[in-house]
Amino acid sequence: MKTNLIKFITFITFILFFLNSCGLYKRSDVKDNPVNVDQRVKKNIQEGRGFRFGKGATRGGNFDFASSNPLWRSAVDVLDFVPLVNASYSGGIIITEWFSSEKNTESTNRELKITVRFISNEIRADALKVLVFERTCMQNNCKTKKIKSKLEGELKLAILKKAALFEKDDFKKYKETEGKNRGKSVIKKR
């Protein structure tokens, strides 16, 4: 009987040590956590903590959404003149279909494809890379190559300008709604 009690206490101690070392239990101070339940839930979701039920319950971590990223929205908006083959927000890439930039003759067919790679979510010059590819076909003989074009710089500049405008509008909307209520405690009546 005594050996079973020692085994049980050893097992419980091991489990508690294991759970504590995994970070499931973390001591926190009141000043670090919001008192309001809604704010606390929002903070935990932003930090990727907590349980999620239903769709996406097996994933965790911080996620950005394309609709909230001004750089992504501006790139999609600027490239609306051509159909997209791939627009993967999580992969950080947009690839267009092949499209003709000028009138093609019967013997020569020249098409372009644009790729936008996102390096960062911040609006700055090195946050994205625009690549232009050219496909030239002569009598069923096609050659594809990456070209250096003014179009790369023009598209990058247009995307950055539009992203700055989107961010400015988003900040203005935030200031008008959330900014006014900042610091005020909200008491809910039950």
N, C-alpha and C. Protein backbone atom coordinates (compact mmCIF):
# COMPACT_ATOMS: atom_id res chain seq x y z
N MET A 1 0.81 -1.18 0.00
CA MET A 1 0.00 0.00 0.00
C MET A 1 0.86 1.26 0.00
N LYS A 2 1.93 1.21 0.80
CA LYS A 2 2.82 2.37 0.90
C LYS A 2 3.56 2.60 -0.42
N THR A 3 3.93 1.54 -1.13
CA THR A 3 4.62 1.68 -2.41
C THR A 3 3.70 2.29 -3.47
N ASN A 4 2.41 1.93 -3.41
CA ASN A 4 1.46 2.53 -4.35
C ASN A 4 1.31 4.02 -4.10
N LEU A 5 1.30 4.43 -2.84
CA LEU A 5 1.20 5.85 -2.48
C LEU A 5 2.44 6.60 -2.96
N ILE A 6 3.60 6.02 -2.81
CA ILE A 6 4.85 6.66 -3.25
C ILE A 6 4.85 6.76 -4.78
N LYS A 7 4.40 5.73 -5.47
CA LYS A 7 4.32 5.77 -6.93
C LYS A 7 3.34 6.84 -7.39
N PHE A 8 2.20 6.94 -6.70
CA PHE A 8 1.19 7.93 -7.06
C PHE A 8 1.72 9.36 -6.85
N ILE A 9 2.38 9.60 -5.74
CA ILE A 9 2.94 10.93 -5.46
C ILE A 9 4.05 11.25 -6.46
N THR A 10 4.87 10.28 -6.79
CA THR A 10 5.93 10.48 -7.79
C THR A 10 5.31 10.79 -9.16
N PHE A 11 4.26 10.08 -9.50
CA PHE A 11 3.58 10.32 -10.78
C PHE A 11 2.98 11.72 -10.83
N ILE A 12 2.29 12.12 -9.78
CA ILE A 12 1.68 13.46 -9.73
C ILE A 12 2.76 14.53 -9.80
N THR A 13 3.85 14.35 -9.07
CA THR A 13 4.96 15.32 -9.10
C THR A 13 5.56 15.42 -10.50
N PHE A 14 5.73 14.28 -11.15
CA PHE A 14 6.27 14.27 -12.51
C PHE A 14 5.33 15.01 -13.47
N ILE A 15 4.03 14.75 -13.37
CA ILE A 15 3.04 15.40 -14.25
C ILE A 15 3.04 16.91 -14.01
N LEU A 16 3.04 17.32 -12.75
CA LEU A 16 3.05 18.76 -12.45
C LEU A 16 4.33 19.42 -12.98
N PHE A 17 5.47 18.75 -12.81
CA PHE A 17 6.72 19.29 -13.33
C PHE A 17 6.68 19.38 -14.85
N PHE A 18 6.15 18.35 -15.50
CA PHE A 18 6.07 18.31 -16.97
C PHE A 18 5.16 19.43 -17.48
N LEU A 19 3.99 19.59 -16.87
CA LEU A 19 3.06 20.63 -17.31
C LEU A 19 3.64 22.02 -17.11
N ASN A 20 4.34 22.20 -16.01
CA ASN A 20 4.95 23.50 -15.73
C ASN A 20 6.07 23.80 -16.71
N SER A 21 6.88 22.81 -17.07
CA SER A 21 7.99 23.04 -17.99
C SER A 21 7.51 23.25 -19.42
N CYS A 22 6.31 22.79 -19.75
CA CYS A 22 5.75 23.00 -21.09
C CYS A 22 5.20 24.41 -21.25
N GLY A 23 5.06 25.10 -20.18
CA GLY A 23 4.55 26.46 -20.28
C GLY A 23 3.03 26.55 -20.21
N LEU A 24 2.38 25.46 -19.82
CA LEU A 24 0.93 25.50 -19.69
C LEU A 24 0.52 26.36 -18.50
N TYR A 25 1.35 26.34 -17.45
CA TYR A 25 1.09 27.20 -16.31
C TYR A 25 2.14 28.29 -16.31
N LYS A 26 1.70 29.51 -16.29
CA LYS A 26 2.62 30.63 -16.29
C LYS A 26 2.10 31.67 -15.31
N ARG A 27 2.88 31.99 -14.34
CA ARG A 27 2.49 32.98 -13.34
C ARG A 27 2.49 34.35 -14.02
N SER A 28 1.46 35.13 -13.74
CA SER A 28 1.38 36.46 -14.34
C SER A 28 0.98 37.48 -13.28
N ASP A 29 1.32 38.70 -13.56
CA ASP A 29 1.01 39.80 -12.67
C ASP A 29 -0.26 40.50 -13.17
N VAL A 30 -1.03 41.09 -12.26
CA VAL A 30 -2.28 41.75 -12.62
C VAL A 30 -2.03 42.93 -13.55
N LYS A 31 -0.93 43.63 -13.37
CA LYS A 31 -0.65 44.80 -14.21
C LYS A 31 -0.35 44.43 -15.66
N ASP A 32 0.03 43.16 -15.92
CA ASP A 32 0.35 42.73 -17.28
C ASP A 32 -0.87 42.27 -18.06
N ASN A 33 -1.97 42.01 -17.38
CA ASN A 33 -3.17 41.48 -18.03
C ASN A 33 -4.33 42.45 -17.87
N PRO A 34 -5.08 42.67 -18.94
CA PRO A 34 -6.24 43.56 -18.84
C PRO A 34 -7.30 42.99 -17.91
N VAL A 35 -8.00 43.86 -17.21
CA VAL A 35 -9.05 43.43 -16.29
C VAL A 35 -10.32 43.10 -17.06
N ASN A 36 -10.61 43.86 -18.11
CA ASN A 36 -11.79 43.65 -18.93
C ASN A 36 -11.66 42.32 -19.68
N VAL A 37 -12.70 41.50 -19.62
CA VAL A 37 -12.67 40.17 -20.23
C VAL A 37 -12.46 40.26 -21.74
N ASP A 38 -13.18 41.17 -22.41
CA ASP A 38 -13.05 41.28 -23.87
C ASP A 38 -11.64 41.67 -24.28
N GLN A 39 -11.02 42.58 -23.54
CA GLN A 39 -9.65 42.99 -23.85
C GLN A 39 -8.67 41.84 -23.60
N ARG A 40 -8.92 41.06 -22.53
CA ARG A 40 -8.05 39.94 -22.21
C ARG A 40 -8.14 38.87 -23.30
N VAL A 41 -9.35 38.60 -23.78
CA VAL A 41 -9.53 37.62 -24.86
C VAL A 41 -8.82 38.10 -26.12
N LYS A 42 -8.98 39.39 -26.44
CA LYS A 42 -8.34 39.95 -27.64
C LYS A 42 -6.82 39.83 -27.54
N LYS A 43 -6.26 40.12 -26.36
CA LYS A 43 -4.81 40.04 -26.16
C LYS A 43 -4.33 38.60 -26.31
N ASN A 44 -5.07 37.64 -25.72
CA ASN A 44 -4.69 36.23 -25.83
C ASN A 44 -4.74 35.74 -27.27
N ILE A 45 -5.74 36.17 -28.02
CA ILE A 45 -5.83 35.77 -29.43
C ILE A 45 -4.67 36.35 -30.23
N GLN A 46 -4.32 37.62 -29.96
CA GLN A 46 -3.21 38.25 -30.66
C GLN A 46 -1.90 37.53 -30.36
N GLU A 47 -1.75 37.02 -29.14
CA GLU A 47 -0.52 36.34 -28.75
C GLU A 47 -0.55 34.86 -29.11
N GLY A 48 -1.68 34.38 -29.65
CA GLY A 48 -1.76 32.99 -30.09
C GLY A 48 -1.98 32.01 -28.96
N ARG A 49 -2.55 32.47 -27.84
CA ARG A 49 -2.80 31.59 -26.70
C ARG A 49 -4.27 31.25 -26.61
N GLY A 50 -4.54 30.18 -25.88
CA GLY A 50 -5.93 29.82 -25.63
C GLY A 50 -6.37 28.66 -26.49
N PHE A 51 -7.61 28.25 -26.28
CA PHE A 51 -8.18 27.14 -27.03
C PHE A 51 -9.09 27.68 -28.11
N ARG A 52 -9.10 26.99 -29.23
CA ARG A 52 -10.00 27.35 -30.32
C ARG A 52 -10.81 26.11 -30.68
N PHE A 53 -12.08 26.27 -30.80
CA PHE A 53 -12.95 25.15 -31.13
C PHE A 53 -13.47 25.33 -32.54
N GLY A 54 -13.75 24.21 -33.19
CA GLY A 54 -14.30 24.28 -34.53
C GLY A 54 -13.21 24.34 -35.57
N LYS A 55 -13.48 25.08 -36.63
CA LYS A 55 -12.56 25.16 -37.76
C LYS A 55 -11.26 25.82 -37.34
N GLY A 56 -10.14 25.20 -37.66
CA GLY A 56 -8.83 25.77 -37.35
C GLY A 56 -8.39 25.50 -35.92
N ALA A 57 -9.02 24.56 -35.24
CA ALA A 57 -8.69 24.32 -33.84
C ALA A 57 -7.32 23.69 -33.66
N THR A 58 -6.76 23.09 -34.69
CA THR A 58 -5.47 22.43 -34.56
C THR A 58 -4.31 23.37 -34.80
N ARG A 59 -4.57 24.59 -35.19
CA ARG A 59 -3.49 25.52 -35.49
C ARG A 59 -3.36 26.54 -34.38
N GLY A 60 -2.17 27.07 -34.20
CA GLY A 60 -1.95 28.09 -33.19
C GLY A 60 -0.93 29.08 -33.70
N GLY A 61 -0.75 30.15 -33.00
CA GLY A 61 0.24 31.14 -33.39
C GLY A 61 -0.41 32.43 -33.81
N ASN A 62 0.44 33.34 -34.27
CA ASN A 62 -0.05 34.64 -34.70
C ASN A 62 -0.37 34.60 -36.18
N PHE A 63 -1.55 35.10 -36.53
CA PHE A 63 -1.97 35.10 -37.92
C PHE A 63 -2.37 36.51 -38.31
N ASP A 64 -1.91 36.94 -39.44
CA ASP A 64 -2.36 38.19 -40.02
C ASP A 64 -3.38 37.84 -41.09
N PHE A 65 -4.29 38.73 -41.34
CA PHE A 65 -5.28 38.50 -42.36
C PHE A 65 -5.06 39.47 -43.49
N ALA A 66 -5.24 39.00 -44.70
CA ALA A 66 -4.97 39.81 -45.88
C ALA A 66 -5.78 41.09 -45.88
N SER A 67 -7.00 41.04 -45.38
CA SER A 67 -7.85 42.24 -45.41
C SER A 67 -7.34 43.32 -44.46
N SER A 68 -6.50 42.96 -43.49
CA SER A 68 -5.98 43.95 -42.57
C SER A 68 -4.57 44.42 -42.93
N ASN A 69 -3.99 43.88 -43.97
CA ASN A 69 -2.63 44.25 -44.36
C ASN A 69 -2.70 45.23 -45.53
N PRO A 70 -2.34 46.49 -45.31
CA PRO A 70 -2.44 47.48 -46.38
C PRO A 70 -1.52 47.19 -47.57
N LEU A 71 -0.36 46.58 -47.33
CA LEU A 71 0.56 46.27 -48.42
C LEU A 71 -0.04 45.21 -49.34
N TRP A 72 -0.63 44.19 -48.77
CA TRP A 72 -1.27 43.14 -49.56
C TRP A 72 -2.47 43.69 -50.33
N ARG A 73 -3.33 44.44 -49.65
CA ARG A 73 -4.52 44.99 -50.31
C ARG A 73 -4.13 45.89 -51.47
N SER A 74 -3.10 46.70 -51.28
CA SER A 74 -2.69 47.60 -52.36
C SER A 74 -2.12 46.84 -53.55
N ALA A 75 -1.37 45.76 -53.30
CA ALA A 75 -0.82 44.96 -54.40
C ALA A 75 -1.94 44.32 -55.22
N VAL A 76 -2.94 43.78 -54.54
CA VAL A 76 -4.07 43.17 -55.25
C VAL A 76 -4.83 44.24 -56.03
N ASP A 77 -4.96 45.42 -55.44
CA ASP A 77 -5.68 46.51 -56.10
C ASP A 77 -4.92 47.01 -57.34
N VAL A 78 -3.61 47.15 -57.23
CA VAL A 78 -2.80 47.65 -58.36
C VAL A 78 -2.78 46.62 -59.49
N LEU A 79 -2.78 45.34 -59.16
CA LEU A 79 -2.71 44.29 -60.18
C LEU A 79 -4.09 43.83 -60.66
N ASP A 80 -5.10 44.65 -60.47
CA ASP A 80 -6.45 44.24 -60.88
C ASP A 80 -6.66 44.27 -62.39
N PHE A 81 -5.69 44.74 -63.15
CA PHE A 81 -5.82 44.79 -64.61
C PHE A 81 -5.52 43.46 -65.28
N VAL A 82 -5.04 42.48 -64.51
CA VAL A 82 -4.68 41.19 -65.08
C VAL A 82 -5.15 40.08 -64.13
N PRO A 83 -5.61 38.94 -64.67
CA PRO A 83 -6.02 37.83 -63.80
C PRO A 83 -4.84 37.26 -63.02
N LEU A 84 -5.13 36.76 -61.81
CA LEU A 84 -4.08 36.20 -60.96
C LEU A 84 -4.13 34.68 -61.01
N VAL A 85 -2.94 34.06 -61.09
CA VAL A 85 -2.83 32.61 -61.06
C VAL A 85 -2.75 32.15 -59.61
N ASN A 86 -1.95 32.85 -58.82
CA ASN A 86 -1.73 32.49 -57.43
C ASN A 86 -1.69 33.75 -56.60
N ALA A 87 -2.48 33.79 -55.55
CA ALA A 87 -2.45 34.90 -54.59
C ALA A 87 -2.46 34.27 -53.21
N SER A 88 -1.29 33.91 -52.72
CA SER A 88 -1.15 33.21 -51.45
C SER A 88 -0.66 34.18 -50.39
N TYR A 89 -1.57 34.60 -49.52
CA TYR A 89 -1.18 35.52 -48.46
C TYR A 89 -0.21 34.86 -47.49
N SER A 90 -0.49 33.62 -47.12
CA SER A 90 0.39 32.94 -46.18
C SER A 90 1.75 32.65 -46.79
N GLY A 91 1.80 32.47 -48.11
CA GLY A 91 3.06 32.24 -48.80
C GLY A 91 3.77 33.53 -49.17
N GLY A 92 3.06 34.65 -49.09
CA GLY A 92 3.65 35.95 -49.38
C GLY A 92 3.98 36.16 -50.85
N ILE A 93 3.09 35.70 -51.73
CA ILE A 93 3.38 35.83 -53.17
C ILE A 93 2.10 36.04 -53.97
N ILE A 94 2.22 36.84 -55.02
CA ILE A 94 1.15 37.01 -56.00
C ILE A 94 1.76 36.77 -57.36
N ILE A 95 1.11 35.92 -58.17
CA ILE A 95 1.58 35.63 -59.52
C ILE A 95 0.43 35.87 -60.48
N THR A 96 0.68 36.60 -61.54
CA THR A 96 -0.36 36.89 -62.52
C THR A 96 -0.34 35.85 -63.64
N GLU A 97 -1.39 35.87 -64.44
CA GLU A 97 -1.44 35.08 -65.68
C GLU A 97 -0.49 35.72 -66.69
N TRP A 98 -0.16 35.00 -67.74
CA TRP A 98 0.55 35.60 -68.86
C TRP A 98 -0.43 36.55 -69.55
N PHE A 99 0.04 37.73 -69.88
CA PHE A 99 -0.83 38.69 -70.58
C PHE A 99 -0.01 39.43 -71.63
N SER A 100 -0.72 39.91 -72.64
CA SER A 100 -0.06 40.65 -73.73
C SER A 100 0.00 42.13 -73.36
N SER A 101 1.15 42.71 -73.59
CA SER A 101 1.32 44.13 -73.25
C SER A 101 1.15 45.03 -74.47
N GLU A 102 1.15 44.43 -75.64
CA GLU A 102 1.06 45.23 -76.87
C GLU A 102 0.43 44.38 -77.97
N LYS A 103 0.18 44.99 -79.10
CA LYS A 103 -0.35 44.23 -80.25
C LYS A 103 0.71 43.26 -80.74
N ASN A 104 0.32 42.02 -80.86
CA ASN A 104 1.25 40.99 -81.34
C ASN A 104 1.02 40.73 -82.82
N THR A 105 2.11 40.44 -83.50
CA THR A 105 2.00 40.08 -84.91
C THR A 105 1.72 38.59 -85.01
N GLU A 106 1.42 38.14 -86.20
CA GLU A 106 1.12 36.72 -86.41
C GLU A 106 2.34 35.85 -86.16
N SER A 107 3.54 36.35 -86.47
CA SER A 107 4.75 35.53 -86.33
C SER A 107 5.34 35.59 -84.92
N THR A 108 5.16 36.70 -84.19
CA THR A 108 5.75 36.85 -82.86
C THR A 108 4.66 37.10 -81.83
N ASN A 109 4.73 36.35 -80.76
CA ASN A 109 3.78 36.50 -79.68
C ASN A 109 4.55 36.79 -78.40
N ARG A 110 4.39 37.98 -77.83
CA ARG A 110 5.13 38.39 -76.63
C ARG A 110 4.13 38.58 -75.49
N GLU A 111 4.39 37.89 -74.37
CA GLU A 111 3.53 37.99 -73.20
C GLU A 111 4.37 38.24 -71.96
N LEU A 112 3.73 38.86 -70.96
CA LEU A 112 4.41 39.16 -69.70
C LEU A 112 3.70 38.47 -68.54
N LYS A 113 4.46 38.20 -67.49
CA LYS A 113 3.92 37.67 -66.24
C LYS A 113 4.60 38.43 -65.11
N ILE A 114 3.81 38.83 -64.10
CA ILE A 114 4.34 39.61 -62.97
C ILE A 114 4.25 38.77 -61.70
N THR A 115 5.32 38.80 -60.92
CA THR A 115 5.35 38.14 -59.62
C THR A 115 5.69 39.19 -58.57
N VAL A 116 4.90 39.21 -57.51
CA VAL A 116 5.18 40.11 -56.37
C VAL A 116 5.46 39.23 -55.17
N ARG A 117 6.64 39.41 -54.58
CA ARG A 117 7.03 38.66 -53.38
C ARG A 117 7.04 39.62 -52.20
N PHE A 118 6.39 39.21 -51.11
CA PHE A 118 6.35 40.04 -49.91
C PHE A 118 7.41 39.55 -48.93
N ILE A 119 8.32 40.45 -48.58
CA ILE A 119 9.38 40.13 -47.65
C ILE A 119 8.98 40.52 -46.23
N SER A 120 8.17 41.56 -46.12
CA SER A 120 7.75 42.08 -44.82
C SER A 120 6.34 42.66 -44.95
N ASN A 121 5.65 42.79 -43.82
CA ASN A 121 4.33 43.42 -43.80
C ASN A 121 4.42 44.93 -43.64
N GLU A 122 5.60 45.43 -43.36
CA GLU A 122 5.78 46.87 -43.16
C GLU A 122 5.81 47.57 -44.52
N ILE A 123 5.35 48.81 -44.52
CA ILE A 123 5.33 49.59 -45.76
C ILE A 123 6.67 50.31 -45.87
N ARG A 124 7.56 49.71 -46.63
CA ARG A 124 8.87 50.29 -46.88
C ARG A 124 9.41 49.72 -48.19
N ALA A 125 10.43 50.35 -48.72
CA ALA A 125 10.91 50.01 -50.06
C ALA A 125 11.39 48.57 -50.19
N ASP A 126 11.99 48.01 -49.14
CA ASP A 126 12.50 46.64 -49.24
C ASP A 126 11.49 45.60 -48.75
N ALA A 127 10.24 45.97 -48.60
CA ALA A 127 9.21 45.04 -48.11
C ALA A 127 8.67 44.12 -49.20
N LEU A 128 8.88 44.48 -50.45
CA LEU A 128 8.38 43.62 -51.53
C LEU A 128 9.32 43.67 -52.71
N LYS A 129 9.23 42.62 -53.52
CA LYS A 129 10.05 42.51 -54.72
C LYS A 129 9.13 42.21 -55.88
N VAL A 130 9.22 43.01 -56.93
CA VAL A 130 8.40 42.83 -58.13
C VAL A 130 9.30 42.29 -59.24
N LEU A 131 8.88 41.17 -59.85
CA LEU A 131 9.63 40.56 -60.94
C LEU A 131 8.75 40.50 -62.17
N VAL A 132 9.35 40.75 -63.33
CA VAL A 132 8.62 40.68 -64.60
C VAL A 132 9.30 39.63 -65.48
N PHE A 133 8.49 38.72 -66.02
CA PHE A 133 8.98 37.67 -66.90
C PHE A 133 8.38 37.87 -68.28
N GLU A 134 9.15 37.52 -69.29
CA GLU A 134 8.70 37.68 -70.67
C GLU A 134 8.74 36.31 -71.35
N ARG A 135 7.67 36.03 -72.09
CA ARG A 135 7.61 34.81 -72.90
C ARG A 135 7.41 35.24 -74.34
N THR A 136 8.36 34.84 -75.18
CA THR A 136 8.29 35.16 -76.60
C THR A 136 8.14 33.86 -77.37
N CYS A 137 7.10 33.81 -78.17
CA CYS A 137 6.83 32.60 -78.96
C CYS A 137 6.90 32.94 -80.45
N MET A 138 7.69 32.16 -81.18
CA MET A 138 7.77 32.27 -82.63
C MET A 138 7.49 30.90 -83.22
N GLN A 139 6.35 30.78 -83.87
CA GLN A 139 5.99 29.55 -84.56
C GLN A 139 6.10 28.33 -83.62
N ASN A 140 5.43 28.35 -82.48
CA ASN A 140 5.40 27.28 -81.48
C ASN A 140 6.74 27.04 -80.78
N ASN A 141 7.66 27.96 -80.89
CA ASN A 141 8.94 27.88 -80.19
C ASN A 141 8.95 29.01 -79.15
N CYS A 142 8.73 28.67 -77.89
CA CYS A 142 8.60 29.70 -76.85
C CYS A 142 9.84 29.74 -75.96
N LYS A 143 10.22 30.95 -75.59
CA LYS A 143 11.35 31.17 -74.68
C LYS A 143 10.87 32.10 -73.57
N THR A 144 11.19 31.73 -72.34
CA THR A 144 10.81 32.51 -71.17
C THR A 144 12.06 33.00 -70.47
N LYS A 145 12.04 34.28 -70.06
CA LYS A 145 13.19 34.83 -69.34
C LYS A 145 12.72 35.96 -68.44
N LYS A 146 13.48 36.17 -67.37
CA LYS A 146 13.22 37.29 -66.48
C LYS A 146 13.83 38.53 -67.12
N ILE A 147 13.07 39.61 -67.14
CA ILE A 147 13.59 40.83 -67.76
C ILE A 147 13.65 41.95 -66.74
N LYS A 148 14.54 42.86 -66.97
CA LYS A 148 14.62 44.08 -66.16
C LYS A 148 13.82 45.12 -66.91
N SER A 149 12.79 45.66 -66.23
CA SER A 149 11.88 46.56 -66.91
C SER A 149 11.53 47.73 -65.99
N LYS A 150 11.15 48.86 -66.60
CA LYS A 150 10.66 50.00 -65.82
C LYS A 150 9.37 49.64 -65.11
N LEU A 151 8.67 48.66 -65.65
CA LEU A 151 7.41 48.23 -65.08
C LEU A 151 7.58 47.75 -63.63
N GLU A 152 8.70 47.09 -63.33
CA GLU A 152 8.98 46.62 -61.97
C GLU A 152 8.95 47.78 -60.98
N GLY A 153 9.72 48.80 -61.28
CA GLY A 153 9.80 49.97 -60.39
C GLY A 153 8.48 50.73 -60.30
N GLU A 154 7.79 50.86 -61.43
CA GLU A 154 6.52 51.57 -61.43
C GLU A 154 5.47 50.84 -60.60
N LEU A 155 5.40 49.51 -60.74
CA LEU A 155 4.45 48.74 -59.96
C LEU A 155 4.77 48.79 -58.46
N LYS A 156 6.05 48.66 -58.14
CA LYS A 156 6.47 48.71 -56.74
C LYS A 156 6.11 50.05 -56.11
N LEU A 157 6.37 51.13 -56.83
CA LEU A 157 6.04 52.47 -56.34
C LEU A 157 4.54 52.65 -56.18
N ALA A 158 3.78 52.17 -57.15
CA ALA A 158 2.31 52.27 -57.08
C ALA A 158 1.77 51.49 -55.89
N ILE A 159 2.30 50.29 -55.65
CA ILE A 159 1.86 49.47 -54.52
C ILE A 159 2.18 50.17 -53.20
N LEU A 160 3.40 50.69 -53.07
CA LEU A 160 3.80 51.36 -51.83
C LEU A 160 2.97 52.62 -51.57
N LYS A 161 2.71 53.40 -52.61
CA LYS A 161 1.90 54.62 -52.45
C LYS A 161 0.49 54.27 -51.99
N LYS A 162 -0.12 53.28 -52.66
CA LYS A 162 -1.49 52.90 -52.30
C LYS A 162 -1.53 52.30 -50.91
N ALA A 163 -0.50 51.54 -50.52
CA ALA A 163 -0.44 50.95 -49.18
C ALA A 163 -0.36 52.05 -48.12
N ALA A 164 0.43 53.08 -48.40
CA ALA A 164 0.53 54.21 -47.46
C ALA A 164 -0.83 54.90 -47.30
N LEU A 165 -1.56 55.04 -48.39
CA LEU A 165 -2.89 55.65 -48.32
C LEU A 165 -3.86 54.76 -47.54
N PHE A 166 -3.81 53.44 -47.77
CA PHE A 166 -4.66 52.52 -47.02
C PHE A 166 -4.35 52.59 -45.53
N GLU A 167 -3.05 52.62 -45.19
CA GLU A 167 -2.66 52.67 -43.79
C GLU A 167 -3.12 53.98 -43.14
N LYS A 168 -3.01 55.07 -43.87
CA LYS A 168 -3.47 56.36 -43.36
C LYS A 168 -4.97 56.33 -43.10
N ASP A 169 -5.75 55.77 -44.04
CA ASP A 169 -7.20 55.66 -43.86
C ASP A 169 -7.54 54.75 -42.68
N ASP A 170 -6.82 53.62 -42.56
CA ASP A 170 -7.07 52.70 -41.45
C ASP A 170 -6.79 53.37 -40.10
N PHE A 171 -5.70 54.16 -40.05
CA PHE A 171 -5.35 54.85 -38.81
C PHE A 171 -6.42 55.89 -38.47
N LYS A 172 -6.89 56.59 -39.50
CA LYS A 172 -7.92 57.60 -39.29
C LYS A 172 -9.20 56.96 -38.75
N LYS A 173 -9.59 55.81 -39.32
CA LYS A 173 -10.78 55.10 -38.85
C LYS A 173 -10.59 54.62 -37.41
N TYR A 174 -9.40 54.11 -37.10
CA TYR A 174 -9.12 53.65 -35.74
C TYR A 174 -9.20 54.81 -34.76
N LYS A 175 -8.62 55.92 -35.14
CA LYS A 175 -8.61 57.08 -34.25
C LYS A 175 -10.03 57.57 -33.99
N GLU A 176 -10.88 57.52 -35.02
CA GLU A 176 -12.26 57.99 -34.86
C GLU A 176 -13.09 57.06 -33.99
N THR A 177 -12.81 55.75 -34.03
CA THR A 177 -13.63 54.81 -33.27
C THR A 177 -12.96 54.39 -31.97
N GLU A 178 -11.90 53.63 -32.05
CA GLU A 178 -11.24 53.07 -30.88
C GLU A 178 -10.45 54.10 -30.09
N GLY A 179 -9.84 55.04 -30.79
CA GLY A 179 -8.99 56.03 -30.13
C GLY A 179 -9.75 56.90 -29.16
N LYS A 180 -11.01 57.18 -29.44
CA LYS A 180 -11.82 58.01 -28.55
C LYS A 180 -12.13 57.29 -27.25
N ASN A 181 -12.24 55.97 -27.30
CA ASN A 181 -12.61 55.19 -26.12
C ASN A 181 -11.40 54.70 -25.33
N ARG A 182 -10.21 54.99 -25.79
CA ARG A 182 -9.00 54.50 -25.13
C ARG A 182 -8.89 55.08 -23.73
N GLY A 183 -8.63 54.22 -22.76
CA GLY A 183 -8.45 54.67 -21.39
C GLY A 183 -9.73 54.76 -20.60
N LYS A 184 -10.87 54.70 -21.26
CA LYS A 184 -12.15 54.76 -20.55
C LYS A 184 -12.56 53.34 -20.20
N SER A 185 -12.99 53.16 -18.97
CA SER A 185 -13.46 51.84 -18.58
C SER A 185 -14.91 51.68 -19.01
N VAL A 186 -15.22 50.53 -19.48
CA VAL A 186 -16.57 50.25 -19.96
C VAL A 186 -17.23 49.30 -18.97
N ILE A 187 -18.35 49.70 -18.41
CA ILE A 187 -19.08 48.86 -17.47
C ILE A 187 -20.31 48.34 -18.20
N LYS A 188 -20.40 47.02 -18.24
CA LYS A 188 -21.53 46.40 -18.91
C LYS A 188 -22.61 46.10 -17.89
N LYS A 189 -23.84 46.41 -18.25
CA LYS A 189 -24.98 46.09 -17.40
C LYS A 189 -25.47 44.71 -17.75
N ARG A 190 -25.83 43.98 -16.73
CA ARG A 190 -26.32 42.61 -16.98
C ARG A 190 -27.79 42.55 -16.83
